[in-house]
Amino acid sequence: MGKHRAVFLDRDGTINIEREYLSRVEDFQLVPGVPLALKRLQEAGFLLVVVTNQSGIGRGFYTEGDLERLHQHMVHELESYGAKISACYFCPHHPEHGTGAYRTECDCRKPLPGMLLQASRDLDIDLPRSYMVGDKVADVEAGLKAGCAPMLVLTGYGEKEVAKLPEGVPVYQDLLAAADAILAAEGV
């Protein structure tokens, strides 16, 4: 069992405004309330870990270098608000639409829990004491499979996905409301 609690975060539609196959820094825009939500979670002792499917790499729409630049921008922007991302994990694969080595069945593409499990090993995370927040059922399923408490936010694709949720998964307007619920559950 790891010693750290974490909040795993989907990126597109959860942290930033949903833009299909986002790869350019100039198109990156935070969802309102996200910096405050992340700062409060971090101050409560949670590691903040981004876990994002990025099949646009595998499809040839952008490169891993483009993604790295975007993630550096996101990390720096959030740090300017006092929120520190502990790590970013991504899956570049797609089993049908990937090209070359990216066209593969993998264990990291959500709804599989590979990115969360890898982060748990890398950062000594206690998965049962951690949360997974995203805007798609795939995020929720990855959290469940990893043993985390899943939450769906209605930003991004959340409004369309809510009808497909497994029973009992809590739904929140946005990441700030989800953070409030996490902090309340933890007695913070």
N, C-alpha and C. Protein backbone atom coordinates (compact mmCIF):
# COMPACT_ATOMS: atom_id res chain seq x y z
N MET A 1 0.85 -1.18 0.00
CA MET A 1 0.00 0.00 0.00
C MET A 1 0.89 1.24 0.00
N GLY A 2 0.59 2.17 -0.93
CA GLY A 2 1.38 3.39 -1.03
C GLY A 2 1.12 4.33 0.14
N LYS A 3 1.97 5.33 0.25
CA LYS A 3 1.81 6.25 1.37
C LYS A 3 1.13 7.56 0.98
N HIS A 4 1.01 7.85 -0.33
CA HIS A 4 0.43 9.12 -0.76
C HIS A 4 -1.00 8.95 -1.28
N ARG A 5 -1.83 9.95 -0.99
CA ARG A 5 -3.15 10.03 -1.62
C ARG A 5 -3.00 10.88 -2.88
N ALA A 6 -3.80 10.56 -3.89
CA ALA A 6 -3.72 11.32 -5.14
C ALA A 6 -5.12 11.59 -5.66
N VAL A 7 -5.20 12.65 -6.45
CA VAL A 7 -6.36 12.86 -7.29
C VAL A 7 -5.85 12.73 -8.72
N PHE A 8 -6.32 11.67 -9.40
CA PHE A 8 -6.01 11.47 -10.81
C PHE A 8 -6.99 12.31 -11.61
N LEU A 9 -6.48 12.98 -12.62
CA LEU A 9 -7.29 13.93 -13.39
C LEU A 9 -7.18 13.64 -14.87
N ASP A 10 -8.32 13.45 -15.51
CA ASP A 10 -8.34 13.49 -16.95
C ASP A 10 -7.98 14.92 -17.35
N ARG A 11 -7.45 15.11 -18.54
CA ARG A 11 -7.05 16.46 -18.94
C ARG A 11 -8.16 17.17 -19.72
N ASP A 12 -8.41 16.73 -20.95
CA ASP A 12 -9.33 17.43 -21.84
C ASP A 12 -10.77 17.32 -21.35
N GLY A 13 -11.39 18.46 -21.15
CA GLY A 13 -12.77 18.48 -20.67
C GLY A 13 -12.89 18.48 -19.16
N THR A 14 -11.78 18.21 -18.47
CA THR A 14 -11.77 18.21 -17.00
C THR A 14 -10.92 19.37 -16.49
N ILE A 15 -9.66 19.43 -16.94
CA ILE A 15 -8.76 20.53 -16.58
C ILE A 15 -8.90 21.69 -17.56
N ASN A 16 -8.89 21.36 -18.84
CA ASN A 16 -8.97 22.39 -19.87
C ASN A 16 -10.24 22.22 -20.71
N ILE A 17 -10.62 23.31 -21.36
CA ILE A 17 -11.77 23.30 -22.26
C ILE A 17 -11.54 22.24 -23.33
N GLU A 18 -12.55 21.42 -23.58
CA GLU A 18 -12.46 20.35 -24.59
C GLU A 18 -12.24 20.94 -25.97
N ARG A 19 -11.16 20.52 -26.61
CA ARG A 19 -10.89 20.82 -28.02
C ARG A 19 -10.38 19.52 -28.61
N GLU A 20 -11.07 19.02 -29.61
CA GLU A 20 -10.70 17.73 -30.17
C GLU A 20 -9.26 17.73 -30.66
N TYR A 21 -8.50 16.74 -30.21
CA TYR A 21 -7.09 16.57 -30.58
C TYR A 21 -6.27 17.83 -30.30
N LEU A 22 -6.44 18.38 -29.11
CA LEU A 22 -5.71 19.57 -28.68
C LEU A 22 -4.20 19.29 -28.71
N SER A 23 -3.46 20.15 -29.40
CA SER A 23 -2.01 19.96 -29.46
C SER A 23 -1.25 21.28 -29.45
N ARG A 24 -1.94 22.40 -29.59
CA ARG A 24 -1.27 23.70 -29.68
C ARG A 24 -1.47 24.49 -28.40
N VAL A 25 -0.38 25.02 -27.88
CA VAL A 25 -0.41 25.80 -26.64
C VAL A 25 -1.43 26.93 -26.74
N GLU A 26 -1.48 27.60 -27.89
CA GLU A 26 -2.38 28.74 -28.03
C GLU A 26 -3.86 28.35 -27.98
N ASP A 27 -4.19 27.07 -28.10
CA ASP A 27 -5.57 26.60 -28.02
C ASP A 27 -5.93 26.10 -26.61
N PHE A 28 -4.97 26.10 -25.71
CA PHE A 28 -5.19 25.59 -24.35
C PHE A 28 -5.87 26.65 -23.50
N GLN A 29 -6.97 26.27 -22.85
CA GLN A 29 -7.69 27.19 -21.97
C GLN A 29 -8.24 26.40 -20.78
N LEU A 30 -7.91 26.85 -19.58
CA LEU A 30 -8.37 26.17 -18.37
C LEU A 30 -9.88 26.31 -18.20
N VAL A 31 -10.52 25.26 -17.70
CA VAL A 31 -11.92 25.34 -17.29
C VAL A 31 -11.95 26.27 -16.07
N PRO A 32 -12.91 27.20 -16.01
CA PRO A 32 -12.98 28.09 -14.85
C PRO A 32 -13.05 27.31 -13.53
N GLY A 33 -12.31 27.79 -12.54
CA GLY A 33 -12.31 27.16 -11.22
C GLY A 33 -11.26 26.08 -11.03
N VAL A 34 -10.65 25.62 -12.11
CA VAL A 34 -9.68 24.52 -12.01
C VAL A 34 -8.46 24.88 -11.16
N PRO A 35 -7.83 26.05 -11.37
CA PRO A 35 -6.66 26.35 -10.54
C PRO A 35 -6.97 26.33 -9.04
N LEU A 36 -8.08 26.92 -8.64
CA LEU A 36 -8.46 26.93 -7.23
C LEU A 36 -8.72 25.52 -6.72
N ALA A 37 -9.43 24.72 -7.52
CA ALA A 37 -9.71 23.34 -7.12
C ALA A 37 -8.42 22.56 -6.88
N LEU A 38 -7.48 22.68 -7.82
CA LEU A 38 -6.23 21.93 -7.71
C LEU A 38 -5.37 22.43 -6.55
N LYS A 39 -5.34 23.74 -6.36
CA LYS A 39 -4.57 24.30 -5.25
C LYS A 39 -5.12 23.79 -3.92
N ARG A 40 -6.43 23.77 -3.77
CA ARG A 40 -7.03 23.31 -2.52
C ARG A 40 -6.77 21.82 -2.29
N LEU A 41 -6.84 21.01 -3.34
CA LEU A 41 -6.55 19.57 -3.21
C LEU A 41 -5.10 19.35 -2.82
N GLN A 42 -4.20 20.10 -3.44
CA GLN A 42 -2.78 19.98 -3.12
C GLN A 42 -2.52 20.40 -1.68
N GLU A 43 -3.13 21.50 -1.26
CA GLU A 43 -2.94 21.96 0.13
C GLU A 43 -3.47 20.96 1.14
N ALA A 44 -4.43 20.12 0.72
CA ALA A 44 -4.96 19.08 1.60
C ALA A 44 -4.09 17.82 1.59
N GLY A 45 -3.00 17.85 0.83
CA GLY A 45 -2.05 16.74 0.86
C GLY A 45 -2.15 15.76 -0.29
N PHE A 46 -2.98 16.05 -1.29
CA PHE A 46 -3.11 15.14 -2.44
C PHE A 46 -2.05 15.43 -3.49
N LEU A 47 -1.50 14.37 -4.07
CA LEU A 47 -0.73 14.52 -5.30
C LEU A 47 -1.72 14.73 -6.43
N LEU A 48 -1.36 15.53 -7.41
CA LEU A 48 -2.20 15.79 -8.57
C LEU A 48 -1.55 15.13 -9.77
N VAL A 49 -2.24 14.13 -10.34
CA VAL A 49 -1.65 13.32 -11.41
C VAL A 49 -2.58 13.33 -12.62
N VAL A 50 -2.08 13.85 -13.74
CA VAL A 50 -2.85 13.89 -14.98
C VAL A 50 -2.68 12.55 -15.69
N VAL A 51 -3.79 11.97 -16.12
CA VAL A 51 -3.79 10.72 -16.90
C VAL A 51 -4.69 10.95 -18.12
N THR A 52 -4.10 10.96 -19.30
CA THR A 52 -4.84 11.38 -20.49
C THR A 52 -4.59 10.48 -21.69
N ASN A 53 -5.68 10.06 -22.34
CA ASN A 53 -5.58 9.35 -23.62
C ASN A 53 -5.24 10.39 -24.68
N GLN A 54 -4.22 10.11 -25.47
CA GLN A 54 -3.80 11.03 -26.53
C GLN A 54 -3.59 10.27 -27.84
N SER A 55 -4.68 9.68 -28.34
CA SER A 55 -4.58 8.90 -29.58
C SER A 55 -4.26 9.78 -30.78
N GLY A 56 -4.35 11.11 -30.64
CA GLY A 56 -3.95 11.99 -31.72
C GLY A 56 -2.49 11.79 -32.10
N ILE A 57 -1.67 11.36 -31.14
CA ILE A 57 -0.27 11.04 -31.45
C ILE A 57 -0.23 9.80 -32.34
N GLY A 58 -0.92 8.75 -31.91
CA GLY A 58 -0.94 7.51 -32.68
C GLY A 58 -1.56 7.67 -34.05
N ARG A 59 -2.50 8.60 -34.17
CA ARG A 59 -3.16 8.84 -35.45
C ARG A 59 -2.33 9.75 -36.37
N GLY A 60 -1.23 10.29 -35.83
CA GLY A 60 -0.36 11.14 -36.64
C GLY A 60 -0.79 12.60 -36.71
N PHE A 61 -1.71 13.04 -35.83
CA PHE A 61 -2.18 14.42 -35.84
C PHE A 61 -1.19 15.38 -35.20
N TYR A 62 -0.42 14.89 -34.24
CA TYR A 62 0.61 15.68 -33.57
C TYR A 62 1.62 14.71 -32.96
N THR A 63 2.74 15.25 -32.47
CA THR A 63 3.84 14.41 -31.99
C THR A 63 3.90 14.38 -30.47
N GLU A 64 4.68 13.47 -29.94
CA GLU A 64 4.92 13.44 -28.50
C GLU A 64 5.59 14.75 -28.05
N GLY A 65 6.42 15.34 -28.90
CA GLY A 65 7.04 16.63 -28.58
C GLY A 65 6.01 17.74 -28.45
N ASP A 66 5.01 17.73 -29.35
CA ASP A 66 3.92 18.71 -29.26
C ASP A 66 3.19 18.55 -27.93
N LEU A 67 2.93 17.31 -27.54
CA LEU A 67 2.23 17.04 -26.28
C LEU A 67 3.07 17.50 -25.10
N GLU A 68 4.37 17.24 -25.15
CA GLU A 68 5.26 17.65 -24.06
C GLU A 68 5.24 19.17 -23.90
N ARG A 69 5.27 19.92 -25.00
CA ARG A 69 5.21 21.39 -24.93
C ARG A 69 3.88 21.84 -24.32
N LEU A 70 2.79 21.19 -24.71
CA LEU A 70 1.48 21.55 -24.17
C LEU A 70 1.42 21.27 -22.67
N HIS A 71 1.95 20.11 -22.26
CA HIS A 71 1.94 19.77 -20.83
C HIS A 71 2.83 20.71 -20.03
N GLN A 72 3.96 21.10 -20.58
CA GLN A 72 4.83 22.07 -19.88
C GLN A 72 4.08 23.39 -19.69
N HIS A 73 3.36 23.81 -20.72
CA HIS A 73 2.57 25.04 -20.63
C HIS A 73 1.50 24.91 -19.54
N MET A 74 0.78 23.78 -19.55
CA MET A 74 -0.27 23.55 -18.56
C MET A 74 0.31 23.57 -17.14
N VAL A 75 1.40 22.87 -16.93
CA VAL A 75 2.05 22.79 -15.62
C VAL A 75 2.47 24.20 -15.16
N HIS A 76 3.10 24.96 -16.04
CA HIS A 76 3.56 26.31 -15.67
C HIS A 76 2.38 27.23 -15.39
N GLU A 77 1.33 27.13 -16.19
CA GLU A 77 0.16 27.98 -15.96
C GLU A 77 -0.47 27.66 -14.60
N LEU A 78 -0.61 26.37 -14.28
CA LEU A 78 -1.19 26.00 -13.00
C LEU A 78 -0.27 26.39 -11.84
N GLU A 79 1.05 26.28 -12.03
CA GLU A 79 1.98 26.69 -10.97
C GLU A 79 1.86 28.18 -10.68
N SER A 80 1.50 28.97 -11.68
CA SER A 80 1.35 30.42 -11.45
C SER A 80 0.17 30.70 -10.51
N TYR A 81 -0.73 29.74 -10.36
CA TYR A 81 -1.84 29.84 -9.41
C TYR A 81 -1.55 29.12 -8.10
N GLY A 82 -0.36 28.52 -7.99
CA GLY A 82 0.00 27.81 -6.77
C GLY A 82 -0.39 26.35 -6.75
N ALA A 83 -0.73 25.78 -7.91
CA ALA A 83 -1.10 24.36 -8.00
C ALA A 83 -0.01 23.60 -8.75
N LYS A 84 0.53 22.56 -8.10
CA LYS A 84 1.63 21.80 -8.70
C LYS A 84 1.16 20.42 -9.15
N ILE A 85 1.30 20.16 -10.43
CA ILE A 85 1.01 18.84 -10.98
C ILE A 85 2.20 17.94 -10.65
N SER A 86 1.94 16.81 -10.00
CA SER A 86 3.02 15.90 -9.62
C SER A 86 3.59 15.14 -10.81
N ALA A 87 2.70 14.77 -11.76
CA ALA A 87 3.15 14.01 -12.93
C ALA A 87 2.04 14.01 -13.97
N CYS A 88 2.46 13.86 -15.23
CA CYS A 88 1.52 13.70 -16.35
C CYS A 88 1.82 12.37 -17.04
N TYR A 89 0.81 11.54 -17.19
CA TYR A 89 0.91 10.28 -17.91
C TYR A 89 -0.01 10.35 -19.11
N PHE A 90 0.43 9.77 -20.23
CA PHE A 90 -0.42 9.78 -21.41
C PHE A 90 -0.32 8.45 -22.15
N CYS A 91 -1.40 8.12 -22.85
CA CYS A 91 -1.43 6.95 -23.71
C CYS A 91 -1.54 7.43 -25.15
N PRO A 92 -0.52 7.15 -25.98
CA PRO A 92 -0.55 7.59 -27.38
C PRO A 92 -1.18 6.56 -28.32
N HIS A 93 -1.58 5.42 -27.80
CA HIS A 93 -2.00 4.29 -28.62
C HIS A 93 -3.47 4.35 -29.05
N HIS A 94 -3.75 3.63 -30.12
CA HIS A 94 -5.14 3.34 -30.48
C HIS A 94 -5.14 2.00 -31.21
N PRO A 95 -6.01 1.06 -30.77
CA PRO A 95 -5.96 -0.29 -31.33
C PRO A 95 -6.38 -0.38 -32.80
N GLU A 96 -7.23 0.53 -33.28
CA GLU A 96 -7.65 0.48 -34.68
C GLU A 96 -7.08 1.62 -35.53
N HIS A 97 -6.98 2.82 -34.96
CA HIS A 97 -6.64 3.99 -35.76
C HIS A 97 -5.20 4.46 -35.58
N GLY A 98 -4.43 3.78 -34.75
CA GLY A 98 -3.03 4.14 -34.58
C GLY A 98 -2.22 3.73 -35.79
N THR A 99 -1.05 4.36 -35.95
CA THR A 99 -0.16 4.01 -37.04
C THR A 99 1.13 3.45 -36.46
N GLY A 100 1.75 2.56 -37.18
CA GLY A 100 3.02 1.98 -36.76
C GLY A 100 2.92 1.35 -35.37
N ALA A 101 3.92 1.66 -34.54
CA ALA A 101 3.98 1.08 -33.19
C ALA A 101 2.83 1.58 -32.31
N TYR A 102 2.18 2.65 -32.70
CA TYR A 102 1.07 3.19 -31.90
C TYR A 102 -0.23 2.42 -32.10
N ARG A 103 -0.28 1.57 -33.12
CA ARG A 103 -1.48 0.77 -33.37
C ARG A 103 -1.33 -0.53 -32.61
N THR A 104 -1.83 -0.51 -31.37
CA THR A 104 -1.63 -1.66 -30.50
C THR A 104 -2.68 -1.70 -29.41
N GLU A 105 -2.95 -2.89 -28.93
CA GLU A 105 -3.73 -3.05 -27.71
C GLU A 105 -2.75 -2.81 -26.57
N CYS A 106 -3.11 -1.96 -25.63
CA CYS A 106 -2.21 -1.65 -24.53
C CYS A 106 -2.99 -1.70 -23.23
N ASP A 107 -2.30 -1.55 -22.12
CA ASP A 107 -3.00 -1.53 -20.83
C ASP A 107 -3.10 -0.11 -20.28
N CYS A 108 -2.62 0.88 -21.08
CA CYS A 108 -2.62 2.25 -20.57
C CYS A 108 -3.79 3.07 -21.08
N ARG A 109 -4.44 2.65 -22.15
CA ARG A 109 -5.55 3.43 -22.70
C ARG A 109 -6.78 3.26 -21.82
N LYS A 110 -7.25 4.39 -21.25
CA LYS A 110 -8.47 4.32 -20.45
C LYS A 110 -9.60 3.83 -21.37
N PRO A 111 -10.43 2.91 -20.93
CA PRO A 111 -10.83 2.61 -19.57
C PRO A 111 -9.94 1.62 -18.80
N LEU A 112 -8.82 1.18 -19.38
CA LEU A 112 -7.92 0.32 -18.63
C LEU A 112 -7.11 1.17 -17.66
N PRO A 113 -6.66 0.58 -16.56
CA PRO A 113 -6.05 1.38 -15.48
C PRO A 113 -4.54 1.53 -15.54
N GLY A 114 -3.92 1.20 -16.66
CA GLY A 114 -2.46 1.16 -16.72
C GLY A 114 -1.74 2.43 -16.28
N MET A 115 -2.25 3.60 -16.70
CA MET A 115 -1.58 4.85 -16.30
C MET A 115 -1.68 5.07 -14.80
N LEU A 116 -2.82 4.75 -14.21
CA LEU A 116 -3.00 4.93 -12.77
C LEU A 116 -2.11 3.96 -11.99
N LEU A 117 -2.03 2.73 -12.49
CA LEU A 117 -1.19 1.72 -11.82
C LEU A 117 0.29 2.10 -11.91
N GLN A 118 0.70 2.61 -13.08
CA GLN A 118 2.10 3.04 -13.24
C GLN A 118 2.40 4.21 -12.30
N ALA A 119 1.49 5.17 -12.23
CA ALA A 119 1.69 6.32 -11.34
C ALA A 119 1.75 5.86 -9.89
N SER A 120 0.93 4.88 -9.54
CA SER A 120 0.94 4.34 -8.18
C SER A 120 2.31 3.78 -7.82
N ARG A 121 2.91 3.05 -8.77
CA ARG A 121 4.25 2.49 -8.54
C ARG A 121 5.30 3.61 -8.49
N ASP A 122 5.23 4.54 -9.44
CA ASP A 122 6.24 5.60 -9.54
C ASP A 122 6.21 6.56 -8.36
N LEU A 123 5.01 6.87 -7.87
CA LEU A 123 4.85 7.94 -6.87
C LEU A 123 4.41 7.42 -5.50
N ASP A 124 4.37 6.10 -5.33
CA ASP A 124 4.00 5.48 -4.05
C ASP A 124 2.61 5.94 -3.60
N ILE A 125 1.63 5.73 -4.49
CA ILE A 125 0.26 6.17 -4.26
C ILE A 125 -0.59 5.04 -3.69
N ASP A 126 -1.37 5.37 -2.69
CA ASP A 126 -2.35 4.46 -2.09
C ASP A 126 -3.64 4.59 -2.90
N LEU A 127 -3.86 3.67 -3.82
CA LEU A 127 -5.01 3.78 -4.73
C LEU A 127 -6.37 3.78 -4.02
N PRO A 128 -6.61 2.94 -3.02
CA PRO A 128 -7.92 2.97 -2.36
C PRO A 128 -8.22 4.29 -1.62
N ARG A 129 -7.19 5.07 -1.35
CA ARG A 129 -7.39 6.38 -0.69
C ARG A 129 -7.31 7.53 -1.68
N SER A 130 -7.41 7.19 -2.97
CA SER A 130 -7.26 8.19 -4.04
C SER A 130 -8.54 8.29 -4.86
N TYR A 131 -8.59 9.30 -5.72
CA TYR A 131 -9.77 9.61 -6.52
C TYR A 131 -9.38 9.72 -7.99
N MET A 132 -10.34 9.44 -8.87
CA MET A 132 -10.18 9.65 -10.31
C MET A 132 -11.31 10.55 -10.77
N VAL A 133 -10.97 11.71 -11.36
CA VAL A 133 -11.98 12.67 -11.81
C VAL A 133 -11.84 12.86 -13.32
N GLY A 134 -12.94 12.67 -14.04
CA GLY A 134 -12.92 12.87 -15.48
C GLY A 134 -14.29 13.17 -16.02
N ASP A 135 -14.34 13.40 -17.34
CA ASP A 135 -15.60 13.76 -17.99
C ASP A 135 -16.15 12.65 -18.88
N LYS A 136 -15.55 11.45 -18.81
CA LYS A 136 -16.02 10.33 -19.63
C LYS A 136 -16.14 9.07 -18.79
N VAL A 137 -17.00 8.18 -19.25
CA VAL A 137 -17.16 6.89 -18.59
C VAL A 137 -15.83 6.13 -18.57
N ALA A 138 -15.01 6.29 -19.60
CA ALA A 138 -13.70 5.63 -19.63
C ALA A 138 -12.84 6.04 -18.44
N ASP A 139 -12.93 7.31 -18.03
CA ASP A 139 -12.19 7.79 -16.86
C ASP A 139 -12.70 7.10 -15.60
N VAL A 140 -14.01 7.05 -15.47
CA VAL A 140 -14.65 6.41 -14.31
C VAL A 140 -14.25 4.95 -14.23
N GLU A 141 -14.31 4.24 -15.37
CA GLU A 141 -13.96 2.81 -15.39
C GLU A 141 -12.50 2.59 -15.05
N ALA A 142 -11.61 3.44 -15.53
CA ALA A 142 -10.18 3.31 -15.19
C ALA A 142 -10.00 3.47 -13.69
N GLY A 143 -10.70 4.45 -13.11
CA GLY A 143 -10.62 4.65 -11.66
C GLY A 143 -11.13 3.45 -10.89
N LEU A 144 -12.26 2.92 -11.31
CA LEU A 144 -12.82 1.74 -10.64
C LEU A 144 -11.87 0.56 -10.73
N LYS A 145 -11.32 0.31 -11.90
CA LYS A 145 -10.41 -0.83 -12.11
C LYS A 145 -9.12 -0.68 -11.30
N ALA A 146 -8.71 0.57 -11.05
CA ALA A 146 -7.49 0.82 -10.27
C ALA A 146 -7.78 0.79 -8.77
N GLY A 147 -9.06 0.81 -8.40
CA GLY A 147 -9.42 0.79 -6.98
C GLY A 147 -9.59 2.16 -6.37
N CYS A 148 -9.71 3.20 -7.21
CA CYS A 148 -9.91 4.57 -6.73
C CYS A 148 -11.41 4.89 -6.66
N ALA A 149 -11.73 5.98 -5.99
CA ALA A 149 -13.10 6.48 -5.98
C ALA A 149 -13.29 7.35 -7.22
N PRO A 150 -14.18 6.96 -8.14
CA PRO A 150 -14.36 7.73 -9.37
C PRO A 150 -15.40 8.83 -9.22
N MET A 151 -15.23 9.89 -10.01
CA MET A 151 -16.18 11.01 -10.07
C MET A 151 -16.26 11.47 -11.51
N LEU A 152 -17.47 11.85 -11.92
CA LEU A 152 -17.66 12.41 -13.26
C LEU A 152 -17.97 13.90 -13.12
N VAL A 153 -17.35 14.71 -13.98
CA VAL A 153 -17.68 16.14 -14.04
C VAL A 153 -18.47 16.39 -15.32
N LEU A 154 -19.36 17.37 -15.28
CA LEU A 154 -20.24 17.65 -16.41
C LEU A 154 -19.61 18.56 -17.46
N THR A 155 -18.40 19.03 -17.21
CA THR A 155 -17.68 19.81 -18.22
C THR A 155 -17.23 18.85 -19.32
N GLY A 156 -16.74 19.36 -20.43
CA GLY A 156 -16.29 18.50 -21.53
C GLY A 156 -17.43 17.65 -22.04
N TYR A 157 -17.19 16.33 -22.08
CA TYR A 157 -18.20 15.38 -22.57
C TYR A 157 -19.14 14.90 -21.46
N GLY A 158 -18.96 15.39 -20.25
CA GLY A 158 -19.69 14.86 -19.10
C GLY A 158 -21.20 14.83 -19.26
N GLU A 159 -21.79 15.89 -19.82
CA GLU A 159 -23.25 15.93 -19.96
C GLU A 159 -23.75 14.80 -20.83
N LYS A 160 -22.97 14.42 -21.87
CA LYS A 160 -23.37 13.34 -22.78
C LYS A 160 -23.10 11.97 -22.16
N GLU A 161 -22.12 11.90 -21.28
CA GLU A 161 -21.69 10.63 -20.72
C GLU A 161 -22.48 10.20 -19.49
N VAL A 162 -23.12 11.15 -18.82
CA VAL A 162 -23.74 10.87 -17.52
C VAL A 162 -24.77 9.74 -17.60
N ALA A 163 -25.47 9.62 -18.72
CA ALA A 163 -26.50 8.58 -18.86
C ALA A 163 -25.89 7.18 -18.92
N LYS A 164 -24.60 7.07 -19.24
CA LYS A 164 -23.92 5.76 -19.38
C LYS A 164 -23.17 5.34 -18.12
N LEU A 165 -23.24 6.16 -17.08
CA LEU A 165 -22.45 5.90 -15.86
C LEU A 165 -22.91 4.65 -15.13
N PRO A 166 -21.98 3.92 -14.54
CA PRO A 166 -22.36 2.85 -13.62
C PRO A 166 -23.10 3.45 -12.42
N GLU A 167 -24.01 2.71 -11.88
CA GLU A 167 -24.80 3.19 -10.74
C GLU A 167 -23.90 3.55 -9.56
N GLY A 168 -24.24 4.65 -8.90
CA GLY A 168 -23.55 5.04 -7.68
C GLY A 168 -22.36 5.95 -7.87
N VAL A 169 -21.98 6.24 -9.12
CA VAL A 169 -20.84 7.13 -9.35
C VAL A 169 -21.32 8.57 -9.20
N PRO A 170 -20.69 9.35 -8.32
CA PRO A 170 -21.14 10.73 -8.12
C PRO A 170 -20.80 11.62 -9.31
N VAL A 171 -21.67 12.59 -9.54
CA VAL A 171 -21.54 13.53 -10.66
C VAL A 171 -21.50 14.94 -10.09
N TYR A 172 -20.57 15.75 -10.62
CA TYR A 172 -20.41 17.13 -10.16
C TYR A 172 -20.38 18.08 -11.35
N GLN A 173 -20.78 19.31 -11.10
CA GLN A 173 -20.85 20.32 -12.16
C GLN A 173 -19.49 20.52 -12.83
N ASP A 174 -18.42 20.55 -12.02
CA ASP A 174 -17.09 20.82 -12.54
C ASP A 174 -16.06 20.35 -11.53
N LEU A 175 -14.79 20.56 -11.85
CA LEU A 175 -13.71 20.09 -10.98
C LEU A 175 -13.73 20.79 -9.62
N LEU A 176 -14.12 22.05 -9.58
CA LEU A 176 -14.19 22.74 -8.30
C LEU A 176 -15.23 22.09 -7.38
N ALA A 177 -16.38 21.72 -7.91
CA ALA A 177 -17.41 21.04 -7.10
C ALA A 177 -16.94 19.65 -6.68
N ALA A 178 -16.23 18.95 -7.57
CA ALA A 178 -15.69 17.64 -7.22
C ALA A 178 -14.65 17.77 -6.12
N ALA A 179 -13.80 18.80 -6.21
CA ALA A 179 -12.79 19.03 -5.16
C ALA A 179 -13.46 19.31 -3.83
N ASP A 180 -14.51 20.12 -3.84
CA ASP A 180 -15.26 20.39 -2.60
C ASP A 180 -15.75 19.08 -1.98
N ALA A 181 -16.27 18.18 -2.82
CA ALA A 181 -16.79 16.90 -2.33
C ALA A 181 -15.66 16.03 -1.77
N ILE A 182 -14.52 16.01 -2.43
CA ILE A 182 -13.38 15.23 -1.95
C ILE A 182 -12.94 15.77 -0.59
N LEU A 183 -12.80 17.07 -0.49
CA LEU A 183 -12.35 17.68 0.76
C LEU A 183 -13.35 17.44 1.89
N ALA A 184 -14.63 17.50 1.57
CA ALA A 184 -15.66 17.21 2.58
C ALA A 184 -15.58 15.76 3.03
N ALA A 185 -15.41 14.84 2.07
CA ALA A 185 -15.31 13.41 2.41
C ALA A 185 -14.09 13.12 3.26
N GLU A 186 -13.02 13.90 3.05
CA GLU A 186 -11.79 13.69 3.81
C GLU A 186 -11.77 14.49 5.11
N GLY A 187 -12.84 15.25 5.35
CA GLY A 187 -12.92 16.04 6.58
C GLY A 187 -11.98 17.22 6.62
N VAL A 188 -11.66 17.75 5.42
CA VAL A 188 -10.72 18.87 5.34
C VAL A 188 -11.51 20.17 5.20
